């Protein structure tokens, strides 16, 4: 998504007409309606050294002002007639470029002014990645990616169903519009539940395979690179009442029971053999991603931390089965790029526990991770703001810019600088129902995109088609 960081916010004057009653000998009073107009902001773009900011407004009733950041404080304010002047003091910036919001309120009228401050040039900035590295060249071709979410991955009653989660069928026009919007790649999550036959052949339903192939064709004709995977077949969810909802890719049982693990690997091999054979003649624009968010239902903080590494080792086995199955089909699959993900697709758990599969093809494996930190802001809408300019009471107490930069730098060190490409297969942030919160959402998304580019990684925005506001609204 071609997200643009809002550095300046134009403040539109709100002109309210006042009906003036005809004069009479009794000098009837004129009732003034509430209004708020920002006359001037000086300066709106601060130097790193900081200084004073003066904001002048015309309003009725008398306006008040409040900063959302600790580094900008209200020093004084004076009012005369309907004019109010606010003087704010901005501290010197010792780090990266930053922004803050100042909210002006007059009765029920309210507007926000975004103040930006330049970075401290004396700080040691992290150099951009060498774009001549082979791993960087690969992800540059992926460019800016988009997820076709809640479509081919949707399912109801344990059966994959493209329209069961509220979205219409994907058409050629869908992906042409994605391309026109500036995206260069599309990740096509695919759920295969209810579309796979019994052992030992595990035959994939022909109609479903044809539909997946049709959507891949749409991507190819639109000029997009494409990624397909096995998506919700491994989804696990622990409900509030303790119910453990899981499917055939059961990492917990497989880690504890050799027979279960063997059966899962046989099905995984059969399915990826069939998928690879169907797309054997497709060119390099198509990437296979073996698995998606495999975990025990606790999102990386469950039994995986107490089982002596058994789940991590089991997942490594599954990834090896995936690679071997695809390569064995030959043709273009002998050298096709393959996406490999670690436990829960967590960057940290991937770095710590993923053992990269052995591969007969040289330098054709990519690392896939997801980034939604902090989930209470990005996914659940429990907090309205993010980052160093967010109000402490409105943002999570972890997961800010430095957290993001640390994780992306670790991925760069562990993989990119060693010649292994990395893509953020999913990232995103749910919509908010007010302009101020949407500003923080856009800032979050842009920060991810910039940090990924700095560290030589591609990103794929998660779009589930829901254009509302709040949890699960990432359309």
Protein backbone atom coordinates (compact mmCIF):
# COMPACT_ATOMS: atom_id res chain seq x y z
CA UNK A 1 0.00 0.00 0.00
CA UNK A 2 1.43 3.34 -1.07
CA UNK A 3 1.03 4.83 2.41
CA UNK A 4 2.07 8.43 2.76
CA UNK A 5 3.30 9.86 6.08
CA UNK A 6 1.28 12.93 7.07
CA UNK A 7 3.88 15.52 8.09
CA UNK A 8 1.56 18.50 7.73
CA UNK A 9 -2.16 18.76 8.32
CA UNK A 10 -3.98 21.53 6.53
CA UNK A 11 -6.44 23.22 8.79
CA UNK A 12 -9.60 24.28 6.98
CA UNK A 13 -11.47 27.29 8.31
CA UNK A 14 -15.01 26.53 9.42
CA UNK A 15 -17.18 29.42 8.33
CA UNK A 16 -20.45 29.68 10.12
CA UNK A 17 -23.13 32.10 9.09
CA UNK A 18 -24.84 34.18 11.77
CA UNK A 19 -28.40 35.31 11.29
CA UNK A 20 -28.52 38.88 12.50
CA UNK A 21 -31.87 39.83 13.82
CA UNK A 22 -33.26 43.11 12.58
CA UNK A 23 -32.49 45.96 14.93
CA UNK A 24 -35.20 47.32 17.16
CA UNK A 25 -35.45 50.06 19.67
CA UNK A 26 -34.83 47.51 22.39
CA UNK A 27 -31.34 46.67 20.93
CA UNK A 28 -31.98 42.89 20.58
CA UNK A 29 -28.86 40.82 21.32
CA UNK A 30 -27.20 38.71 18.62
CA UNK A 31 -26.58 35.08 19.56
CA UNK A 32 -23.15 33.97 18.29
CA UNK A 33 -22.83 30.37 17.05
CA UNK A 34 -19.81 28.23 17.99
CA UNK A 35 -16.92 28.33 15.51
CA UNK A 36 -13.18 27.69 15.42
CA UNK A 37 -10.67 29.03 12.89
CA UNK A 38 -6.89 28.60 13.05
CA UNK A 39 -5.27 31.85 11.97
CA UNK A 40 -1.61 30.87 12.10
CA UNK A 41 0.90 28.26 13.28
CA UNK A 42 4.51 29.37 13.58
CA UNK A 43 6.57 27.34 13.09
CA UNK A 44 4.85 24.07 12.17
CA UNK A 45 8.12 22.37 11.20
CA UNK A 46 10.68 22.66 13.99
CA UNK A 47 14.43 22.38 13.86
CA UNK A 48 16.07 19.75 16.06
CA UNK A 49 17.04 22.48 18.55
CA UNK A 50 13.39 23.02 19.48
CA UNK A 51 12.02 26.40 20.53
CA UNK A 52 8.71 28.20 20.82
CA UNK A 53 5.55 27.52 18.79
CA UNK A 54 2.86 30.18 18.51
CA UNK A 55 -0.67 29.28 17.47
CA UNK A 56 -3.36 31.94 16.96
CA UNK A 57 -7.03 31.07 16.63
CA UNK A 58 -10.36 32.83 16.34
CA UNK A 59 -13.21 31.10 18.11
CA UNK A 60 -16.40 31.15 20.07
CA UNK A 61 -16.38 30.18 22.87
CA UNK A 62 -12.80 30.83 23.98
CA UNK A 63 -10.49 28.05 22.77
CA UNK A 64 -8.26 25.74 24.79
CA UNK A 65 -5.23 23.77 23.57
CA UNK A 66 -3.48 20.55 24.57
CA UNK A 67 -0.39 18.73 23.28
CA UNK A 68 -0.34 14.93 22.97
CA UNK A 69 3.41 14.68 23.47
CA UNK A 70 5.59 15.31 26.48
CA UNK A 71 8.21 17.21 24.49
CA UNK A 72 5.76 20.01 23.65
CA UNK A 73 4.27 21.91 26.61
CA UNK A 74 1.87 24.83 26.84
CA UNK A 75 3.73 27.86 28.20
CA UNK A 76 0.99 30.52 28.14
CA UNK A 77 -2.18 31.67 26.45
CA UNK A 78 -3.86 35.06 26.09
CA UNK A 79 -7.34 35.94 24.85
CA UNK A 80 -8.88 39.17 23.60
CA UNK A 81 -12.37 39.32 22.16
CA UNK A 82 -12.58 36.17 20.02
CA UNK A 83 -8.84 35.84 19.42
CA UNK A 84 -6.60 33.51 21.45
CA UNK A 85 -2.83 33.11 21.22
CA UNK A 86 -1.10 29.98 22.54
CA UNK A 87 2.63 29.76 23.23
CA UNK A 88 4.14 26.26 23.37
CA UNK A 89 7.71 25.25 24.16
CA UNK A 90 9.30 22.35 22.25
CA UNK A 91 12.28 20.49 23.68
CA UNK A 92 15.42 19.79 21.67
CA UNK A 93 15.33 16.53 19.73
CA UNK A 94 18.08 14.06 20.60
CA UNK A 95 16.91 11.29 18.26
CA UNK A 96 15.04 10.60 15.04
CA UNK A 97 12.59 12.93 13.34
CA UNK A 98 9.32 13.05 15.24
CA UNK A 99 5.87 14.57 15.25
CA UNK A 100 3.22 15.56 17.76
CA UNK A 101 -0.37 16.70 17.70
CA UNK A 102 -1.82 19.81 19.31
CA UNK A 103 -5.59 19.72 19.75
CA UNK A 104 -7.51 23.01 19.77
CA UNK A 105 -11.02 22.92 21.25
CA UNK A 106 -13.79 25.52 21.34
CA UNK A 107 -17.01 24.14 22.73
CA UNK A 108 -17.97 21.25 20.49
CA UNK A 109 -15.56 22.38 17.77
CA UNK A 110 -12.16 20.68 17.62
CA UNK A 111 -9.20 20.52 15.27
CA UNK A 112 -5.72 18.99 15.43
CA UNK A 113 -2.45 20.50 14.27
CA UNK A 114 0.50 18.26 13.49
CA UNK A 115 3.91 19.62 14.52
CA UNK A 116 7.05 17.98 13.11
CA UNK A 117 10.61 18.21 14.37
CA UNK A 118 13.77 17.37 12.45
CA UNK A 119 16.14 14.65 13.60
CA UNK A 120 19.31 15.35 15.52
CA UNK A 121 21.93 15.10 12.78
CA UNK A 122 24.61 14.43 15.36
CA UNK A 123 23.15 11.02 16.19
CA UNK A 124 24.59 7.97 14.54
CA UNK A 125 22.10 6.96 11.85
CA UNK A 126 21.76 3.38 10.69
CA UNK A 127 23.07 3.04 7.13
CA UNK A 128 20.75 1.78 4.45
CA UNK A 129 21.37 -1.76 3.29
CA UNK A 130 23.62 -2.34 0.28
CA UNK A 131 21.12 -2.69 -2.56
CA UNK A 132 23.60 -4.73 -4.59
CA UNK A 133 23.31 -7.65 -2.19
CA UNK A 134 21.63 -10.60 -3.99
CA UNK A 135 19.05 -10.96 -1.22
CA UNK A 136 18.09 -7.30 -1.56
CA UNK A 137 17.71 -7.55 -5.33
CA UNK A 138 15.16 -10.34 -4.88
CA UNK A 139 12.96 -8.40 -2.47
CA UNK A 140 13.25 -5.24 -4.57
CA UNK A 141 11.50 -7.20 -7.31
CA UNK A 142 8.76 -8.12 -4.85
CA UNK A 143 8.49 -4.44 -4.00
CA UNK A 144 5.34 -3.36 -2.19
CA UNK A 145 3.03 -6.31 -1.60
CA UNK A 146 -0.67 -6.75 -0.86
CA UNK A 147 -2.54 -9.65 0.74
CA UNK A 148 -5.71 -10.99 -0.85
CA UNK A 149 -7.03 -11.65 2.64
CA UNK A 150 -10.26 -13.38 3.67
CA UNK A 151 -10.81 -14.69 0.15
CA UNK A 152 -9.32 -18.05 -0.81
CA UNK A 153 -8.33 -18.52 2.83
CA UNK A 154 -11.94 -18.14 4.05
CA UNK A 155 -13.75 -21.21 5.33
CA UNK A 156 -16.97 -22.25 7.04
CA UNK A 157 -17.72 -25.51 8.85
CA UNK A 158 -14.16 -26.67 8.10
CA UNK A 159 -14.62 -26.24 4.35
CA UNK A 160 -12.78 -23.63 2.27
CA UNK A 161 -15.28 -21.19 0.76
CA UNK A 162 -14.15 -18.05 -1.03
CA UNK A 163 -17.16 -15.89 -0.20
CA UNK A 164 -18.00 -17.21 3.28
CA UNK A 165 -16.36 -14.29 5.12
CA UNK A 166 -18.24 -11.53 3.35
CA UNK A 167 -16.08 -10.76 0.32
CA UNK A 168 -17.22 -11.30 -3.26
CA UNK A 169 -15.38 -13.53 -5.70
CA UNK A 170 -12.01 -12.32 -6.91
CA UNK A 171 -11.99 -11.17 -10.52
CA UNK A 172 -9.35 -10.09 -13.01
CA UNK A 173 -10.41 -6.51 -12.34
CA UNK A 174 -9.57 -6.96 -8.64
CA UNK A 175 -5.90 -7.58 -9.31
CA UNK A 176 -5.69 -5.05 -12.12
CA UNK A 177 -6.79 -2.43 -9.59
CA UNK A 178 -4.18 -3.70 -7.12
CA UNK A 179 -1.52 -3.19 -9.78
CA UNK A 180 -2.88 0.25 -10.67
CA UNK A 181 -2.74 1.23 -7.00
CA UNK A 182 1.04 0.80 -7.07
CA UNK A 183 1.51 -2.69 -5.66
CA UNK A 184 3.93 -5.03 -7.40
CA UNK A 185 3.20 -8.32 -5.62
CA UNK A 186 0.19 -10.15 -4.23
CA UNK A 187 0.17 -12.81 -1.54
CA UNK A 188 -2.74 -15.19 -2.09
CA UNK A 189 -3.47 -17.08 1.15
CA UNK A 190 -5.19 -20.40 0.40
CA UNK A 191 -7.05 -22.66 2.82
CA UNK A 192 -7.48 -26.27 1.69
CA UNK A 193 -9.80 -27.48 4.44
CA UNK A 194 -12.52 -29.81 3.14
CA UNK A 195 -10.86 -29.92 -0.28
CA UNK A 196 -8.45 -32.80 0.39
CA UNK A 197 -9.28 -36.50 0.14
CA UNK A 198 -8.35 -39.32 2.48
CA UNK A 199 -4.98 -41.04 2.89
CA UNK A 200 -2.87 -42.24 1.24
CA UNK A 201 -3.35 -40.03 -1.83
CA UNK A 202 -4.84 -36.90 -0.24
CA UNK A 203 -6.27 -35.87 -3.60
CA UNK A 204 -6.98 -32.13 -3.82
CA UNK A 205 -10.42 -31.26 -5.16
CA UNK A 206 -10.09 -30.43 -8.86
CA UNK A 207 -12.50 -27.49 -8.83
CA UNK A 208 -10.71 -25.87 -5.90
CA UNK A 209 -7.30 -26.33 -7.49
CA UNK A 210 -8.66 -24.83 -10.70
CA UNK A 211 -9.98 -21.82 -8.82
CA UNK A 212 -6.62 -21.21 -7.16
CA UNK A 213 -4.96 -21.50 -10.57
CA UNK A 214 -7.47 -19.03 -12.02
CA UNK A 215 -6.61 -16.40 -9.41
CA UNK A 216 -2.89 -16.98 -10.00
CA UNK A 217 -3.60 -16.34 -13.69
CA UNK A 218 -5.28 -13.06 -12.75
CA UNK A 219 -2.12 -12.01 -10.92
CA UNK A 220 0.11 -12.99 -13.83
CA UNK A 221 -2.00 -11.08 -16.36
CA UNK A 222 -1.98 -8.04 -14.08
CA UNK A 223 1.83 -8.11 -14.03
CA UNK A 224 2.06 -8.97 -10.34
CA UNK A 225 4.39 -11.37 -8.62
CA UNK A 226 2.37 -13.88 -6.59
CA UNK A 227 2.74 -16.04 -3.48
CA UNK A 228 0.43 -18.98 -2.66
CA UNK A 229 0.50 -21.07 0.48
CA UNK A 230 -1.27 -23.47 2.84
CA UNK A 231 -2.95 -21.00 5.17
CA UNK A 232 -5.61 -21.77 7.81
CA UNK A 233 -5.04 -25.54 7.75
CA UNK A 234 -2.68 -24.98 10.66
CA UNK A 235 -4.68 -22.35 12.52
CA UNK A 236 -5.08 -23.07 16.23
CA UNK A 237 -7.15 -21.03 18.67
CA UNK A 238 -7.63 -21.39 22.43
CA UNK A 239 -11.06 -19.95 23.25
CA UNK A 240 -11.86 -18.10 26.47
CA UNK A 241 -13.76 -21.13 27.76
CA UNK A 242 -10.65 -23.26 27.22
CA UNK A 243 -11.85 -24.98 24.05
CA UNK A 244 -8.85 -25.91 21.90
CA UNK A 245 -9.77 -25.43 18.24
CA UNK A 246 -7.22 -27.03 15.93
CA UNK A 247 -6.88 -28.62 12.50
CA UNK A 248 -4.82 -31.26 10.72
CA UNK A 249 -1.54 -29.33 10.91
CA UNK A 250 -1.44 -29.92 14.68
CA UNK A 251 2.02 -28.96 15.89
CA UNK A 252 1.34 -29.93 19.52
CA UNK A 253 0.24 -33.50 18.79
CA UNK A 254 2.90 -33.95 16.12
CA UNK A 255 5.62 -32.90 18.56
CA UNK A 256 4.41 -35.46 21.10
CA UNK A 257 3.38 -38.36 18.86
CA UNK A 258 5.66 -39.76 16.15
CA UNK A 259 2.78 -41.46 14.31
CA UNK A 260 0.80 -38.22 14.14
CA UNK A 261 3.85 -36.38 12.85
CA UNK A 262 4.47 -39.02 10.19
CA UNK A 263 0.87 -38.80 8.97
CA UNK A 264 1.03 -35.00 8.79
CA UNK A 265 4.28 -35.09 6.83
CA UNK A 266 2.79 -37.58 4.37
CA UNK A 267 -0.21 -35.32 3.75
CA UNK A 268 2.00 -32.23 3.51
CA UNK A 269 4.22 -33.97 0.96
CA UNK A 270 1.25 -35.12 -1.11
CA UNK A 271 -0.43 -31.72 -1.12
CA UNK A 272 2.68 -29.76 -2.06
CA UNK A 273 3.51 -32.31 -4.74
CA UNK A 274 0.08 -31.76 -6.31
CA UNK A 275 0.23 -27.98 -5.98
CA UNK A 276 3.74 -27.84 -7.43
CA UNK A 277 2.80 -30.10 -10.34
CA UNK A 278 -0.17 -27.91 -11.20
CA UNK A 279 2.05 -24.82 -11.41
CA UNK A 280 5.19 -26.51 -12.73
CA UNK A 281 5.28 -24.41 -15.89
CA UNK A 282 4.63 -21.07 -14.22
CA UNK A 283 7.53 -18.66 -14.31
CA UNK A 284 9.53 -17.04 -11.57
CA UNK A 285 6.73 -14.58 -10.80
CA UNK A 286 5.15 -17.33 -8.67
CA UNK A 287 6.49 -18.17 -5.21
CA UNK A 288 5.36 -21.02 -2.96
CA UNK A 289 5.11 -20.42 0.80
CA UNK A 290 4.93 -23.69 2.70
CA UNK A 291 3.02 -22.85 5.87
CA UNK A 292 1.38 -20.00 7.78
CA UNK A 293 1.52 -19.07 11.48
CA UNK A 294 2.06 -22.54 12.92
CA UNK A 295 1.75 -22.44 16.74
CA UNK A 296 -0.02 -24.06 19.69
CA UNK A 297 -2.75 -21.45 20.06
CA UNK A 298 -0.80 -19.19 22.42
CA UNK A 299 0.98 -17.18 19.74
CA UNK A 300 4.50 -18.06 20.78
CA UNK A 301 4.15 -17.97 24.56
CA UNK A 302 2.60 -21.38 25.21
CA UNK A 303 3.84 -24.96 25.40
CA UNK A 304 6.55 -24.21 22.86
CA UNK A 305 8.47 -22.58 25.72
CA UNK A 306 8.35 -25.68 27.94
CA UNK A 307 8.58 -28.72 25.63
CA UNK A 308 12.34 -28.68 25.18
CA UNK A 309 12.19 -27.39 21.62
CA UNK A 310 10.07 -30.26 20.26
CA UNK A 311 7.60 -28.03 18.42
CA UNK A 312 10.40 -26.00 16.84
CA UNK A 313 12.13 -29.19 15.67
CA UNK A 314 8.86 -30.58 14.30
CA UNK A 315 8.19 -27.43 12.31
CA UNK A 316 11.71 -27.60 10.88
CA UNK A 317 10.89 -31.13 9.69
CA UNK A 318 7.71 -29.91 8.01
CA UNK A 319 9.57 -27.17 6.18
CA UNK A 320 12.08 -29.71 4.90
CA UNK A 321 9.22 -31.90 3.62
CA UNK A 322 7.80 -28.87 1.79
CA UNK A 323 11.07 -28.01 0.07
CA UNK A 324 11.81 -31.61 -0.92
CA UNK A 325 8.31 -32.16 -2.31
CA UNK A 326 8.43 -29.07 -4.51
CA UNK A 327 11.93 -29.70 -5.83
CA UNK A 328 11.11 -33.31 -6.71
CA UNK A 329 8.48 -32.18 -9.24
CA UNK A 330 11.15 -30.66 -11.48
CA UNK A 331 10.55 -28.14 -14.23
CA UNK A 332 10.51 -24.57 -13.02
CA UNK A 333 9.93 -25.90 -9.51
CA UNK A 334 13.52 -27.12 -9.39
CA UNK A 335 14.62 -23.53 -8.86
CA UNK A 336 11.43 -21.75 -7.82
CA UNK A 337 11.72 -19.35 -4.89
CA UNK A 338 10.21 -20.84 -1.73
CA UNK A 339 9.06 -18.97 1.38
CA UNK A 340 10.04 -20.49 4.74
CA UNK A 341 8.53 -19.38 8.05
CA UNK A 342 9.46 -20.09 11.64
CA UNK A 343 7.24 -20.74 14.64
CA UNK A 344 4.20 -18.45 14.61
CA UNK A 345 5.98 -16.50 11.82
CA UNK A 346 7.43 -14.52 14.73
CA UNK A 347 10.64 -12.69 13.78
CA UNK A 348 12.29 -13.46 17.12
CA UNK A 349 11.28 -17.13 17.21
CA UNK A 350 12.28 -17.53 13.58
CA UNK A 351 15.75 -16.17 14.24
CA UNK A 352 16.19 -18.30 17.36
CA UNK A 353 14.71 -21.61 16.28
CA UNK A 354 14.26 -21.95 12.52
CA UNK A 355 16.69 -24.32 10.87
CA UNK A 356 16.78 -23.40 7.21
CA UNK A 357 15.97 -26.49 5.10
CA UNK A 358 18.65 -28.00 2.92
CA UNK A 359 17.94 -27.22 -0.71
CA UNK A 360 19.32 -28.61 -3.96
CA UNK A 361 18.78 -25.19 -5.52
CA UNK A 362 21.26 -22.51 -4.51
CA UNK A 363 20.02 -19.31 -2.88
CA UNK A 364 16.32 -19.90 -3.65
CA UNK A 365 14.85 -19.82 -0.14
CA UNK A 366 13.25 -16.73 1.38
CA UNK A 367 12.36 -16.07 5.01
CA UNK A 368 8.75 -15.07 5.72
CA UNK A 369 7.77 -13.35 8.97
CA UNK A 370 4.76 -11.34 10.10
CA UNK A 371 4.73 -8.07 12.04
CA UNK A 372 1.79 -6.77 14.08
CA UNK A 373 3.55 -5.45 17.21
CA UNK A 374 1.93 -4.39 19.42
CA UNK A 375 -1.16 -6.44 18.55
CA UNK A 376 -3.30 -4.41 20.96
CA UNK A 377 -2.78 -1.43 18.64
CA UNK A 378 -2.37 -3.03 15.22
CA UNK A 379 -5.03 -5.74 15.40
CA UNK A 380 -7.36 -5.18 18.34
CA UNK A 381 -7.86 -1.40 18.48
CA UNK A 382 -7.42 -1.39 22.26
CA UNK A 383 -5.10 1.59 21.97
CA UNK A 384 -5.66 4.59 19.71
CA UNK A 385 -2.07 5.85 19.37
CA UNK A 386 1.41 4.52 18.71
CA UNK A 387 4.99 5.68 18.83
CA UNK A 388 6.96 8.27 20.73
CA UNK A 389 4.44 11.06 20.06
CA UNK A 390 1.45 9.10 21.33
CA UNK A 391 -0.18 10.09 24.60
CA UNK A 392 0.97 7.64 27.32
CA UNK A 393 -2.62 6.88 28.34
CA UNK A 394 -3.62 6.09 24.76
CA UNK A 395 -0.79 3.81 23.67
CA UNK A 396 0.71 0.46 24.62
CA UNK A 397 3.75 0.55 26.92
CA UNK A 398 5.92 -1.43 24.47
CA UNK A 399 6.32 -1.98 20.74
CA UNK A 400 7.29 1.53 19.64
CA UNK A 401 9.72 2.65 16.93
CA UNK A 402 12.83 1.40 18.72
CA UNK A 403 11.26 -2.03 19.22
CA UNK A 404 10.46 -2.23 15.51
CA UNK A 405 13.90 -1.05 14.46
CA UNK A 406 15.57 -3.60 16.74
CA UNK A 407 13.58 -6.50 15.28
CA UNK A 408 14.11 -5.47 11.67
CA UNK A 409 17.83 -4.93 12.28
CA UNK A 410 18.03 -8.42 13.80
CA UNK A 411 16.39 -9.91 10.69
CA UNK A 412 18.82 -8.01 8.54
CA UNK A 413 21.81 -9.35 10.48
CA UNK A 414 20.53 -12.92 10.69
CA UNK A 415 19.45 -13.26 7.07
CA UNK A 416 19.70 -10.38 4.61
CA UNK A 417 23.40 -9.68 5.13
CA UNK A 418 24.03 -13.42 4.76
CA UNK A 419 22.33 -13.52 1.37
CA UNK A 420 18.93 -14.83 2.51
CA UNK A 421 16.01 -12.62 1.39
CA UNK A 422 13.32 -11.65 3.90
CA UNK A 423 9.77 -10.50 3.30
CA UNK A 424 7.19 -9.36 5.84
CA UNK A 425 4.38 -11.60 4.58
CA UNK A 426 1.81 -9.81 6.70
CA UNK A 427 1.72 -6.44 8.36
CA UNK A 428 -1.09 -4.00 8.88
CA UNK A 429 -3.21 -1.96 11.24
CA UNK A 430 -6.97 -1.74 11.68
CA UNK A 431 -8.85 1.43 10.79
CA UNK A 432 -9.99 3.96 13.38
CA UNK A 433 -13.14 6.07 13.43
CA UNK A 434 -11.49 9.48 13.90
CA UNK A 435 -8.86 11.50 12.08
CA UNK A 436 -6.43 11.72 14.96
CA UNK A 437 -6.25 7.95 15.49
CA UNK A 438 -6.06 7.37 11.73
CA UNK A 439 -3.01 9.63 11.67
CA UNK A 440 -1.24 7.33 14.13
CA UNK A 441 -2.31 4.30 12.09
CA UNK A 442 -0.80 5.76 8.93
CA UNK A 443 2.36 6.71 10.78
CA UNK A 444 2.70 3.13 12.05
CA UNK A 445 2.31 1.68 8.55
CA UNK A 446 4.73 4.10 6.98
CA UNK A 447 7.30 3.44 9.69
CA UNK A 448 7.15 -0.30 8.97
CA UNK A 449 7.57 0.28 5.24
CA UNK A 450 10.52 2.63 5.71
CA UNK A 451 12.25 0.36 8.23
CA UNK A 452 11.78 -2.63 5.94
CA UNK A 453 13.30 -0.77 3.01
CA UNK A 454 16.23 0.43 5.12
CA UNK A 455 16.95 -3.16 6.09
CA UNK A 456 16.46 -4.65 2.63
CA UNK A 457 13.10 -6.39 3.14
CA UNK A 458 9.77 -6.41 1.29
CA UNK A 459 6.39 -5.90 2.96
CA UNK A 460 2.88 -7.21 2.26
CA UNK A 461 -0.07 -5.26 3.67
CA UNK A 462 -2.87 -7.41 5.13
CA UNK A 463 -6.18 -6.41 3.52
CA UNK A 464 -9.22 -8.44 4.56
CA UNK A 465 -11.80 -6.37 2.69
CA UNK A 466 -13.42 -4.90 5.81
CA UNK A 467 -13.57 -1.13 5.38
CA UNK A 468 -15.14 -0.38 8.76
CA UNK A 469 -13.34 0.72 11.91
CA UNK A 470 -12.08 -1.38 14.81
CA UNK A 471 -11.00 -4.97 15.28
CA UNK A 472 -10.65 -7.01 12.06
CA UNK A 473 -11.20 -3.89 9.92
CA UNK A 474 -8.18 -3.90 7.61
CA UNK A 475 -9.86 -3.23 4.27
